[in-house]
Amino acid sequence: MLSDIKEQVLSVMSLKLMAVVLPAIVLSILTAMVMYQLGFPTMVYDEVVLILTTLMHVVLGVWSALNVVLLGIVIAGLLFALLLPALIVFREIQKKRNEPSAASDSVVHSSSNMADATRQ
């Protein structure tokens, strides 16, 4: 189940990422071709460096987001592991609280059953 969720999140992230990055890359390539034809090779080089820098920052952002998600899963697991003994103790206390009421109900029912038996 967790792997399915991760796959869905990654597919949505990649689709949104591609929807933003792909037009920017195409526009940058077209701009570079026009600048090269006009005789500005240094501007083409700067444009390529800018594209690569942008892609690097996008990849770093996605990597950071994945790290945050994975770190959140790890922290949630650690909190669950640390709080599990307290939850077990709390459940045992709740069971002990419910047991006397169940015993008193059985006493009431047994006395009412005896009263019914004596009436008949």
N, C-alpha and C. Protein backbone atom coordinates (compact mmCIF):
# COMPACT_ATOMS: atom_id res chain seq x y z
N MET A 1 0.82 -1.18 0.00
CA MET A 1 0.00 0.00 0.00
C MET A 1 0.88 1.26 0.00
N LEU A 2 1.91 1.24 0.83
CA LEU A 2 2.80 2.39 0.90
C LEU A 2 3.56 2.57 -0.40
N SER A 3 3.94 1.47 -1.04
CA SER A 3 4.66 1.58 -2.31
C SER A 3 3.73 2.13 -3.40
N ASP A 4 2.44 1.75 -3.36
CA ASP A 4 1.49 2.29 -4.32
C ASP A 4 1.34 3.80 -4.15
N ILE A 5 1.28 4.25 -2.90
CA ILE A 5 1.15 5.68 -2.63
C ILE A 5 2.39 6.41 -3.13
N LYS A 6 3.57 5.82 -2.85
CA LYS A 6 4.81 6.47 -3.29
C LYS A 6 4.86 6.54 -4.81
N GLU A 7 4.41 5.48 -5.50
CA GLU A 7 4.41 5.49 -6.95
C GLU A 7 3.47 6.56 -7.49
N GLN A 8 2.30 6.69 -6.87
CA GLN A 8 1.35 7.71 -7.32
C GLN A 8 1.91 9.11 -7.09
N VAL A 9 2.52 9.33 -5.93
CA VAL A 9 3.10 10.65 -5.64
C VAL A 9 4.21 10.96 -6.63
N LEU A 10 5.06 9.98 -6.89
CA LEU A 10 6.16 10.21 -7.83
C LEU A 10 5.65 10.47 -9.24
N SER A 11 4.59 9.74 -9.66
CA SER A 11 4.06 9.96 -11.00
C SER A 11 3.42 11.34 -11.11
N VAL A 12 2.70 11.77 -10.08
CA VAL A 12 2.10 13.11 -10.11
C VAL A 12 3.18 14.17 -10.11
N MET A 13 4.22 13.97 -9.27
CA MET A 13 5.31 14.95 -9.22
C MET A 13 6.03 15.01 -10.56
N SER A 14 6.26 13.86 -11.18
CA SER A 14 6.98 13.86 -12.45
C SER A 14 6.13 14.48 -13.55
N LEU A 15 4.80 14.26 -13.52
CA LEU A 15 3.95 14.87 -14.54
C LEU A 15 3.92 16.39 -14.39
N LYS A 16 3.79 16.86 -13.15
CA LYS A 16 3.79 18.31 -12.94
C LYS A 16 5.15 18.90 -13.30
N LEU A 17 6.20 18.18 -12.95
CA LEU A 17 7.54 18.65 -13.25
C LEU A 17 7.75 18.72 -14.76
N MET A 18 7.32 17.70 -15.46
CA MET A 18 7.48 17.69 -16.91
C MET A 18 6.64 18.78 -17.56
N ALA A 19 5.45 19.05 -17.00
CA ALA A 19 4.59 20.08 -17.57
C ALA A 19 5.22 21.46 -17.43
N VAL A 20 6.06 21.64 -16.44
CA VAL A 20 6.71 22.94 -16.25
C VAL A 20 8.05 23.01 -16.97
N VAL A 21 8.83 21.94 -16.87
CA VAL A 21 10.20 21.97 -17.37
C VAL A 21 10.27 21.78 -18.89
N LEU A 22 9.44 20.92 -19.44
CA LEU A 22 9.53 20.61 -20.87
C LEU A 22 9.31 21.84 -21.75
N PRO A 23 8.27 22.64 -21.53
CA PRO A 23 8.16 23.85 -22.37
C PRO A 23 9.33 24.82 -22.19
N ALA A 24 9.84 24.91 -20.98
CA ALA A 24 10.98 25.80 -20.74
C ALA A 24 12.21 25.32 -21.51
N ILE A 25 12.43 24.01 -21.53
CA ILE A 25 13.58 23.47 -22.26
C ILE A 25 13.42 23.69 -23.76
N VAL A 26 12.23 23.43 -24.28
CA VAL A 26 11.99 23.62 -25.71
C VAL A 26 12.20 25.09 -26.09
N LEU A 27 11.66 25.99 -25.29
CA LEU A 27 11.84 27.41 -25.56
C LEU A 27 13.31 27.81 -25.49
N SER A 28 14.02 27.27 -24.54
CA SER A 28 15.44 27.59 -24.41
C SER A 28 16.23 27.07 -25.60
N ILE A 29 15.90 25.87 -26.07
CA ILE A 29 16.60 25.32 -27.23
C ILE A 29 16.33 26.17 -28.47
N LEU A 30 15.06 26.55 -28.65
CA LEU A 30 14.74 27.41 -29.80
C LEU A 30 15.46 28.75 -29.71
N THR A 31 15.50 29.31 -28.52
CA THR A 31 16.21 30.58 -28.33
C THR A 31 17.69 30.42 -28.62
N ALA A 32 18.27 29.31 -28.18
CA ALA A 32 19.69 29.06 -28.44
C ALA A 32 19.96 28.94 -29.93
N MET A 33 19.06 28.26 -30.65
CA MET A 33 19.25 28.13 -32.10
C MET A 33 19.19 29.49 -32.79
N VAL A 34 18.24 30.31 -32.37
CA VAL A 34 18.13 31.65 -32.97
C VAL A 34 19.37 32.48 -32.65
N MET A 35 19.82 32.44 -31.41
CA MET A 35 21.00 33.23 -31.04
C MET A 35 22.24 32.75 -31.78
N TYR A 36 22.35 31.44 -31.99
CA TYR A 36 23.51 30.91 -32.71
C TYR A 36 23.48 31.39 -34.16
N GLN A 37 22.29 31.39 -34.77
CA GLN A 37 22.16 31.84 -36.15
C GLN A 37 22.48 33.33 -36.27
N LEU A 38 22.18 34.08 -35.21
CA LEU A 38 22.47 35.51 -35.24
C LEU A 38 23.93 35.81 -34.92
N GLY A 39 24.68 34.81 -34.50
CA GLY A 39 26.09 35.00 -34.26
C GLY A 39 26.45 35.34 -32.82
N PHE A 40 25.71 34.80 -31.89
CA PHE A 40 26.01 35.04 -30.48
C PHE A 40 26.35 33.71 -29.78
N PRO A 41 27.52 33.10 -30.12
CA PRO A 41 27.82 31.78 -29.53
C PRO A 41 28.03 31.84 -28.02
N THR A 42 28.54 32.95 -27.50
CA THR A 42 28.72 33.01 -26.05
C THR A 42 27.38 33.05 -25.33
N MET A 43 26.38 33.68 -25.96
CA MET A 43 25.05 33.69 -25.37
C MET A 43 24.44 32.29 -25.39
N VAL A 44 24.75 31.52 -26.44
CA VAL A 44 24.27 30.14 -26.51
C VAL A 44 24.88 29.34 -25.37
N TYR A 45 26.17 29.53 -25.16
CA TYR A 45 26.84 28.83 -24.05
C TYR A 45 26.20 29.22 -22.72
N ASP A 46 25.96 30.51 -22.52
CA ASP A 46 25.32 30.96 -21.28
C ASP A 46 23.92 30.37 -21.13
N GLU A 47 23.21 30.26 -22.25
CA GLU A 47 21.86 29.68 -22.21
C GLU A 47 21.91 28.21 -21.81
N VAL A 48 22.87 27.47 -22.36
CA VAL A 48 23.02 26.05 -22.00
C VAL A 48 23.37 25.91 -20.53
N VAL A 49 24.27 26.76 -20.05
CA VAL A 49 24.63 26.73 -18.63
C VAL A 49 23.42 27.04 -17.77
N LEU A 50 22.61 28.01 -18.20
CA LEU A 50 21.40 28.36 -17.46
C LEU A 50 20.40 27.20 -17.42
N ILE A 51 20.24 26.51 -18.55
CA ILE A 51 19.34 25.35 -18.59
C ILE A 51 19.83 24.27 -17.64
N LEU A 52 21.13 23.97 -17.71
CA LEU A 52 21.67 22.92 -16.84
C LEU A 52 21.58 23.30 -15.37
N THR A 53 21.80 24.56 -15.06
CA THR A 53 21.68 25.02 -13.67
C THR A 53 20.24 24.91 -13.19
N THR A 54 19.30 25.28 -14.05
CA THR A 54 17.88 25.17 -13.68
C THR A 54 17.50 23.71 -13.44
N LEU A 55 17.94 22.83 -14.33
CA LEU A 55 17.64 21.41 -14.15
C LEU A 55 18.28 20.87 -12.87
N MET A 56 19.48 21.33 -12.57
CA MET A 56 20.14 20.89 -11.34
C MET A 56 19.32 21.31 -10.12
N HIS A 57 18.82 22.55 -10.13
CA HIS A 57 18.03 23.02 -9.00
C HIS A 57 16.70 22.28 -8.90
N VAL A 58 16.10 21.95 -10.03
CA VAL A 58 14.85 21.17 -10.02
C VAL A 58 15.10 19.79 -9.43
N VAL A 59 16.18 19.15 -9.88
CA VAL A 59 16.51 17.82 -9.36
C VAL A 59 16.80 17.88 -7.86
N LEU A 60 17.52 18.91 -7.43
CA LEU A 60 17.80 19.06 -6.00
C LEU A 60 16.52 19.29 -5.21
N GLY A 61 15.58 20.04 -5.77
CA GLY A 61 14.30 20.26 -5.09
C GLY A 61 13.50 18.98 -4.95
N VAL A 62 13.46 18.18 -6.02
CA VAL A 62 12.74 16.89 -5.96
C VAL A 62 13.43 15.96 -4.97
N TRP A 63 14.75 15.94 -4.97
CA TRP A 63 15.50 15.09 -4.04
C TRP A 63 15.23 15.51 -2.60
N SER A 64 15.20 16.81 -2.35
CA SER A 64 14.92 17.30 -1.00
C SER A 64 13.50 16.93 -0.57
N ALA A 65 12.55 17.03 -1.49
CA ALA A 65 11.17 16.65 -1.16
C ALA A 65 11.08 15.17 -0.83
N LEU A 66 11.77 14.34 -1.59
CA LEU A 66 11.77 12.90 -1.28
C LEU A 66 12.42 12.63 0.07
N ASN A 67 13.51 13.33 0.36
CA ASN A 67 14.16 13.16 1.66
C ASN A 67 13.23 13.55 2.79
N VAL A 68 12.48 14.63 2.61
CA VAL A 68 11.54 15.06 3.66
C VAL A 68 10.47 14.01 3.87
N VAL A 69 9.93 13.45 2.78
CA VAL A 69 8.89 12.42 2.91
C VAL A 69 9.45 11.19 3.61
N LEU A 70 10.62 10.74 3.18
CA LEU A 70 11.20 9.55 3.80
C LEU A 70 11.57 9.80 5.25
N LEU A 71 12.08 10.98 5.55
CA LEU A 71 12.41 11.32 6.93
C LEU A 71 11.14 11.38 7.78
N GLY A 72 10.07 11.89 7.23
CA GLY A 72 8.79 11.90 7.94
C GLY A 72 8.30 10.51 8.25
N ILE A 73 8.46 9.59 7.30
CA ILE A 73 8.05 8.20 7.53
C ILE A 73 8.90 7.59 8.64
N VAL A 74 10.20 7.85 8.61
CA VAL A 74 11.09 7.31 9.64
C VAL A 74 10.74 7.88 11.01
N ILE A 75 10.51 9.18 11.08
CA ILE A 75 10.17 9.80 12.37
C ILE A 75 8.84 9.28 12.88
N ALA A 76 7.86 9.12 11.99
CA ALA A 76 6.57 8.58 12.42
C ALA A 76 6.74 7.16 12.95
N GLY A 77 7.56 6.36 12.29
CA GLY A 77 7.82 5.00 12.77
C GLY A 77 8.50 4.99 14.12
N LEU A 78 9.47 5.87 14.30
CA LEU A 78 10.15 5.95 15.60
C LEU A 78 9.20 6.41 16.70
N LEU A 79 8.37 7.39 16.41
CA LEU A 79 7.39 7.84 17.41
C LEU A 79 6.43 6.72 17.77
N PHE A 80 5.98 5.98 16.76
CA PHE A 80 5.08 4.86 17.02
C PHE A 80 5.78 3.81 17.88
N ALA A 81 7.03 3.52 17.56
CA ALA A 81 7.77 2.52 18.34
C ALA A 81 7.99 2.99 19.77
N LEU A 82 8.22 4.28 19.97
CA LEU A 82 8.43 4.79 21.32
C LEU A 82 7.13 4.89 22.11
N LEU A 83 6.03 5.19 21.43
CA LEU A 83 4.76 5.35 22.12
C LEU A 83 3.98 4.05 22.25
N LEU A 84 4.40 3.01 21.55
CA LEU A 84 3.67 1.75 21.59
C LEU A 84 3.58 1.16 22.99
N PRO A 85 4.64 1.14 23.80
CA PRO A 85 4.48 0.62 25.16
C PRO A 85 3.46 1.40 25.98
N ALA A 86 3.44 2.71 25.83
CA ALA A 86 2.45 3.51 26.56
C ALA A 86 1.04 3.19 26.08
N LEU A 87 0.88 2.97 24.79
CA LEU A 87 -0.44 2.60 24.28
C LEU A 87 -0.88 1.23 24.79
N ILE A 88 0.07 0.31 24.89
CA ILE A 88 -0.26 -1.02 25.41
C ILE A 88 -0.68 -0.93 26.86
N VAL A 89 0.05 -0.15 27.65
CA VAL A 89 -0.30 0.02 29.07
C VAL A 89 -1.67 0.68 29.19
N PHE A 90 -1.93 1.69 28.38
CA PHE A 90 -3.22 2.37 28.43
C PHE A 90 -4.35 1.40 28.08
N ARG A 91 -4.14 0.55 27.10
CA ARG A 91 -5.17 -0.43 26.72
C ARG A 91 -5.41 -1.43 27.85
N GLU A 92 -4.35 -1.86 28.51
CA GLU A 92 -4.51 -2.79 29.64
C GLU A 92 -5.28 -2.13 30.77
N ILE A 93 -5.01 -0.86 31.02
CA ILE A 93 -5.75 -0.14 32.06
C ILE A 93 -7.22 -0.05 31.68
N GLN A 94 -7.50 0.21 30.42
CA GLN A 94 -8.89 0.28 29.97
C GLN A 94 -9.58 -1.08 30.12
N LYS A 95 -8.87 -2.16 29.82
CA LYS A 95 -9.45 -3.49 29.98
C LYS A 95 -9.77 -3.77 31.44
N LYS A 96 -8.86 -3.37 32.33
CA LYS A 96 -9.09 -3.60 33.76
C LYS A 96 -10.26 -2.77 34.26
N ARG A 97 -10.44 -1.58 33.73
CA ARG A 97 -11.58 -0.75 34.12
C ARG A 97 -12.89 -1.37 33.66
N ASN A 98 -12.87 -1.98 32.49
CA ASN A 98 -14.09 -2.56 31.94
C ASN A 98 -14.44 -3.90 32.58
N GLU A 99 -13.46 -4.62 33.09
CA GLU A 99 -13.73 -5.93 33.69
C GLU A 99 -14.63 -5.85 34.92
N PRO A 100 -14.41 -4.96 35.89
CA PRO A 100 -15.31 -4.92 37.05
C PRO A 100 -16.75 -4.58 36.67
N SER A 101 -16.94 -3.72 35.71
CA SER A 101 -18.31 -3.41 35.31
C SER A 101 -18.96 -4.62 34.67
N ALA A 102 -18.20 -5.41 33.93
CA ALA A 102 -18.75 -6.63 33.35
C ALA A 102 -19.08 -7.63 34.45
N ALA A 103 -18.25 -7.71 35.50
CA ALA A 103 -18.52 -8.62 36.61
C ALA A 103 -19.75 -8.16 37.38
N SER A 104 -19.91 -6.87 37.59
CA SER A 104 -21.08 -6.38 38.32
C SER A 104 -22.34 -6.58 37.49
N ASP A 105 -22.24 -6.46 36.17
CA ASP A 105 -23.40 -6.72 35.32
C ASP A 105 -23.81 -8.18 35.41
N SER A 106 -22.84 -9.08 35.46
CA SER A 106 -23.18 -10.50 35.56
C SER A 106 -23.82 -10.81 36.91
N VAL A 107 -23.39 -10.12 37.96
CA VAL A 107 -24.00 -10.31 39.28
C VAL A 107 -25.43 -9.84 39.25
N VAL A 108 -25.67 -8.69 38.63
CA VAL A 108 -27.04 -8.17 38.54
C VAL A 108 -27.90 -9.10 37.73
N HIS A 109 -27.37 -9.60 36.63
CA HIS A 109 -28.15 -10.51 35.79
C HIS A 109 -28.41 -11.82 36.52
N SER A 110 -27.44 -12.32 37.25
CA SER A 110 -27.65 -13.59 37.94
C SER A 110 -28.68 -13.42 39.05
N SER A 111 -28.69 -12.29 39.76
CA SER A 111 -29.68 -12.10 40.80
C SER A 111 -31.06 -11.91 40.19
N SER A 112 -31.14 -11.24 39.04
CA SER A 112 -32.44 -11.09 38.40
C SER A 112 -32.92 -12.42 37.85
N ASN A 113 -31.98 -13.26 37.40
CA ASN A 113 -32.36 -14.59 36.93
C ASN A 113 -32.88 -15.43 38.10
N MET A 114 -32.27 -15.29 39.28
CA MET A 114 -32.74 -16.03 40.46
C MET A 114 -34.13 -15.55 40.85
N ALA A 115 -34.35 -14.24 40.76
CA ALA A 115 -35.67 -13.70 41.10
C ALA A 115 -36.71 -14.23 40.12
N ASP A 116 -36.35 -14.31 38.85
CA ASP A 116 -37.29 -14.85 37.86
C ASP A 116 -37.57 -16.32 38.14
N ALA A 117 -36.54 -17.05 38.55
CA ALA A 117 -36.71 -18.47 38.82
C ALA A 117 -37.61 -18.68 40.04
N THR A 118 -37.49 -17.85 41.07
CA THR A 118 -38.32 -18.02 42.27
C THR A 118 -39.76 -17.62 41.99
N ARG A 119 -39.99 -16.70 41.07
CA ARG A 119 -41.35 -16.30 40.73
C ARG A 119 -42.09 -17.41 40.03
N GLN A 120 -41.39 -18.17 39.25
CA GLN A 120 -42.07 -19.22 38.49
C GLN A 120 -42.35 -20.36 39.41
